[in-house]
Amino acid sequence: MGFSENTFYLIDCFMTFYKTACFFNIIVFHTIQSIFDKVTSLAVNFL
């Protein structure tokens, strides 16, 4: 395994990890946003 192959492999792993992290961040962000919207609407109705 040469240096360039090793570097390419590391970059490939990093890109895969980055895409997965972005995907999970989007899911978590939307979930938190929907929960926050429900909580704020409940609070407004309660007040």
N, C-alpha and C. Protein backbone atom coordinates (compact mmCIF):
# COMPACT_ATOMS: atom_id res chain seq x y z
N MET A 1 0.84 -1.19 0.00
CA MET A 1 0.00 0.00 0.00
C MET A 1 0.89 1.25 0.00
N GLY A 2 0.79 2.03 -1.06
CA GLY A 2 1.61 3.23 -1.16
C GLY A 2 1.03 4.40 -0.38
N PHE A 3 1.77 5.48 -0.38
CA PHE A 3 1.35 6.67 0.37
C PHE A 3 0.07 7.27 -0.22
N SER A 4 0.02 7.35 -1.56
CA SER A 4 -1.15 7.95 -2.22
C SER A 4 -2.40 7.11 -1.99
N GLU A 5 -2.25 5.79 -2.04
CA GLU A 5 -3.40 4.90 -1.81
C GLU A 5 -3.90 5.06 -0.38
N ASN A 6 -2.96 5.13 0.56
CA ASN A 6 -3.31 5.29 1.97
C ASN A 6 -4.04 6.61 2.19
N THR A 7 -3.54 7.68 1.57
CA THR A 7 -4.16 9.00 1.70
C THR A 7 -5.56 8.98 1.11
N PHE A 8 -5.71 8.36 -0.07
CA PHE A 8 -7.01 8.28 -0.72
C PHE A 8 -7.99 7.51 0.16
N TYR A 9 -7.53 6.44 0.79
CA TYR A 9 -8.37 5.64 1.67
C TYR A 9 -8.84 6.46 2.86
N LEU A 10 -7.92 7.23 3.45
CA LEU A 10 -8.27 8.07 4.60
C LEU A 10 -9.29 9.14 4.20
N ILE A 11 -9.08 9.75 3.03
CA ILE A 11 -10.00 10.78 2.53
C ILE A 11 -11.38 10.15 2.29
N ASP A 12 -11.39 8.94 1.71
CA ASP A 12 -12.65 8.24 1.44
C ASP A 12 -13.40 7.97 2.74
N CYS A 13 -12.68 7.49 3.76
CA CYS A 13 -13.30 7.23 5.06
C CYS A 13 -13.83 8.51 5.67
N PHE A 14 -13.05 9.58 5.57
CA PHE A 14 -13.46 10.87 6.13
C PHE A 14 -14.71 11.39 5.45
N MET A 15 -14.77 11.29 4.11
CA MET A 15 -15.94 11.77 3.37
C MET A 15 -17.18 10.98 3.74
N THR A 16 -17.03 9.66 3.88
CA THR A 16 -18.16 8.82 4.27
C THR A 16 -18.65 9.22 5.66
N PHE A 17 -17.72 9.40 6.59
CA PHE A 17 -18.06 9.81 7.95
C PHE A 17 -18.74 11.18 7.94
N TYR A 18 -18.21 12.11 7.12
CA TYR A 18 -18.74 13.47 7.05
C TYR A 18 -20.18 13.47 6.53
N LYS A 19 -20.44 12.67 5.47
CA LYS A 19 -21.79 12.59 4.92
C LYS A 19 -22.76 12.01 5.95
N THR A 20 -22.33 10.97 6.66
CA THR A 20 -23.17 10.35 7.68
C THR A 20 -23.47 11.34 8.80
N ALA A 21 -22.44 12.07 9.23
CA ALA A 21 -22.60 13.05 10.30
C ALA A 21 -23.57 14.15 9.87
N CYS A 22 -23.44 14.64 8.65
CA CYS A 22 -24.33 15.67 8.13
C CYS A 22 -25.77 15.15 8.09
N PHE A 23 -25.94 13.90 7.63
CA PHE A 23 -27.26 13.29 7.55
C PHE A 23 -27.91 13.22 8.92
N PHE A 24 -27.16 12.76 9.93
CA PHE A 24 -27.70 12.67 11.29
C PHE A 24 -27.96 14.05 11.88
N ASN A 25 -27.09 15.02 11.58
CA ASN A 25 -27.30 16.39 12.07
C ASN A 25 -28.60 16.96 11.53
N ILE A 26 -28.90 16.71 10.24
CA ILE A 26 -30.13 17.19 9.63
C ILE A 26 -31.34 16.56 10.32
N ILE A 27 -31.29 15.23 10.55
CA ILE A 27 -32.39 14.53 11.22
C ILE A 27 -32.60 15.09 12.62
N VAL A 28 -31.51 15.20 13.39
CA VAL A 28 -31.60 15.69 14.77
C VAL A 28 -32.13 17.12 14.79
N PHE A 29 -31.64 17.97 13.88
CA PHE A 29 -32.07 19.36 13.83
C PHE A 29 -33.57 19.46 13.56
N HIS A 30 -34.07 18.69 12.58
CA HIS A 30 -35.50 18.73 12.26
C HIS A 30 -36.34 18.20 13.41
N THR A 31 -35.86 17.15 14.09
CA THR A 31 -36.58 16.59 15.23
C THR A 31 -36.68 17.61 16.36
N ILE A 32 -35.56 18.25 16.69
CA ILE A 32 -35.55 19.26 17.75
C ILE A 32 -36.44 20.44 17.36
N GLN A 33 -36.40 20.83 16.10
CA GLN A 33 -37.20 21.96 15.64
C GLN A 33 -38.69 21.65 15.76
N SER A 34 -39.10 20.43 15.38
CA SER A 34 -40.51 20.06 15.47
C SER A 34 -40.96 19.98 16.93
N ILE A 35 -40.10 19.43 17.80
CA ILE A 35 -40.42 19.37 19.23
C ILE A 35 -40.54 20.78 19.79
N PHE A 36 -39.62 21.65 19.42
CA PHE A 36 -39.63 23.04 19.89
C PHE A 36 -40.91 23.75 19.42
N ASP A 37 -41.32 23.51 18.16
CA ASP A 37 -42.56 24.10 17.65
C ASP A 37 -43.76 23.63 18.45
N LYS A 38 -43.82 22.32 18.76
CA LYS A 38 -44.93 21.78 19.55
C LYS A 38 -44.95 22.39 20.94
N VAL A 39 -43.79 22.48 21.57
CA VAL A 39 -43.69 23.04 22.92
C VAL A 39 -44.11 24.50 22.94
N THR A 40 -43.66 25.28 21.97
CA THR A 40 -44.00 26.70 21.93
C THR A 40 -45.49 26.89 21.66
N SER A 41 -46.07 26.08 20.77
CA SER A 41 -47.51 26.20 20.51
C SER A 41 -48.32 25.81 21.74
N LEU A 42 -47.88 24.76 22.46
CA LEU A 42 -48.54 24.37 23.71
C LEU A 42 -48.43 25.48 24.74
N ALA A 43 -47.27 26.09 24.85
CA ALA A 43 -47.05 27.18 25.81
C ALA A 43 -47.94 28.37 25.48
N VAL A 44 -48.05 28.70 24.19
CA VAL A 44 -48.90 29.81 23.76
C VAL A 44 -50.36 29.52 24.07
N ASN A 45 -50.80 28.29 23.81
CA ASN A 45 -52.18 27.91 24.12
C ASN A 45 -52.43 27.91 25.61
N PHE A 46 -51.44 27.48 26.38
CA PHE A 46 -51.57 27.41 27.84
C PHE A 46 -51.65 28.81 28.44
N LEU A 47 -50.81 29.71 27.94
CA LEU A 47 -50.81 31.10 28.43
C LEU A 47 -52.02 31.83 27.89
